[in-house]
């Protein structure tokens, strides 16, 4: 695998992780309220 592709895949993985964290925070806020 070329290094450029691996770097882009890592960026996508981190973005997906941030989105999942944001969704979990929203769910927690909904449960609290």
N, C-alpha and C. Protein backbone atom coordinates (compact mmCIF):
# COMPACT_ATOMS: atom_id res chain seq x y z
N UNK A 1 0.85 -1.21 0.00
CA UNK A 1 0.00 0.00 0.00
C UNK A 1 0.88 1.25 0.00
N UNK A 2 0.56 2.23 -0.82
CA UNK A 2 1.31 3.49 -0.82
C UNK A 2 1.06 4.26 0.47
N UNK A 3 2.05 5.01 0.97
CA UNK A 3 1.89 5.74 2.23
C UNK A 3 0.78 6.77 2.18
N UNK A 4 0.56 7.38 1.00
CA UNK A 4 -0.47 8.42 0.89
C UNK A 4 -1.84 7.82 1.19
N UNK A 5 -2.09 6.61 0.66
CA UNK A 5 -3.40 6.00 0.87
C UNK A 5 -3.60 5.65 2.34
N UNK A 6 -2.53 5.15 3.00
CA UNK A 6 -2.65 4.79 4.41
C UNK A 6 -2.93 6.04 5.24
N UNK A 7 -2.28 7.15 4.90
CA UNK A 7 -2.51 8.38 5.65
C UNK A 7 -3.96 8.84 5.49
N UNK A 8 -4.49 8.77 4.27
CA UNK A 8 -5.87 9.21 4.05
C UNK A 8 -6.83 8.31 4.81
N UNK A 9 -6.55 7.01 4.85
CA UNK A 9 -7.43 6.08 5.57
C UNK A 9 -7.39 6.39 7.06
N UNK A 10 -6.21 6.75 7.58
CA UNK A 10 -6.12 7.09 9.00
C UNK A 10 -6.93 8.36 9.28
N UNK A 11 -6.87 9.34 8.38
CA UNK A 11 -7.64 10.56 8.57
C UNK A 11 -9.13 10.25 8.58
N UNK A 12 -9.57 9.38 7.67
CA UNK A 12 -10.98 9.01 7.63
C UNK A 12 -11.37 8.31 8.93
N UNK A 13 -10.50 7.46 9.44
CA UNK A 13 -10.79 6.74 10.68
C UNK A 13 -10.93 7.72 11.84
N UNK A 14 -10.05 8.71 11.91
CA UNK A 14 -10.12 9.67 13.01
C UNK A 14 -11.39 10.51 12.89
N UNK A 15 -11.75 10.91 11.66
CA UNK A 15 -12.98 11.69 11.48
C UNK A 15 -14.18 10.86 11.92
N UNK A 16 -14.20 9.57 11.55
CA UNK A 16 -15.31 8.71 11.92
C UNK A 16 -15.38 8.58 13.44
N UNK A 17 -14.24 8.46 14.09
CA UNK A 17 -14.21 8.36 15.55
C UNK A 17 -14.76 9.62 16.20
N UNK A 18 -14.39 10.79 15.67
CA UNK A 18 -14.90 12.04 16.23
C UNK A 18 -16.41 12.11 16.08
N UNK A 19 -16.93 11.68 14.92
CA UNK A 19 -18.38 11.70 14.70
C UNK A 19 -19.07 10.77 15.69
N UNK A 20 -18.50 9.58 15.91
CA UNK A 20 -19.10 8.64 16.85
C UNK A 20 -19.10 9.24 18.26
N UNK A 21 -18.01 9.91 18.63
CA UNK A 21 -17.96 10.53 19.96
C UNK A 21 -19.02 11.62 20.08
N UNK A 22 -19.19 12.42 19.03
CA UNK A 22 -20.19 13.48 19.06
C UNK A 22 -21.58 12.89 19.20
N UNK A 23 -21.86 11.80 18.47
CA UNK A 23 -23.18 11.16 18.55
C UNK A 23 -23.41 10.62 19.96
N UNK A 24 -22.41 10.01 20.56
CA UNK A 24 -22.56 9.48 21.92
C UNK A 24 -22.82 10.63 22.89
N UNK A 25 -22.15 11.76 22.73
CA UNK A 25 -22.38 12.91 23.60
C UNK A 25 -23.82 13.41 23.44
N UNK A 26 -24.32 13.47 22.20
CA UNK A 26 -25.69 13.91 21.98
C UNK A 26 -26.67 12.97 22.67
N UNK A 27 -26.43 11.67 22.56
CA UNK A 27 -27.32 10.69 23.19
C UNK A 27 -27.28 10.88 24.71
N UNK A 28 -26.11 11.10 25.29
CA UNK A 28 -26.00 11.30 26.73
C UNK A 28 -26.77 12.55 27.14
N UNK A 29 -26.66 13.62 26.37
CA UNK A 29 -27.38 14.85 26.69
C UNK A 29 -28.89 14.62 26.62
N UNK A 30 -29.36 13.86 25.63
CA UNK A 30 -30.79 13.58 25.52
C UNK A 30 -31.26 12.78 26.73
N UNK A 31 -30.45 11.83 27.18
CA UNK A 31 -30.84 11.02 28.34
C UNK A 31 -30.89 11.90 29.59
N UNK A 32 -29.94 12.82 29.74
CA UNK A 32 -29.91 13.69 30.92
C UNK A 32 -31.15 14.58 30.94
N UNK A 33 -31.45 15.17 29.78
CA UNK A 33 -32.60 16.06 29.74
C UNK A 33 -33.88 15.25 29.63
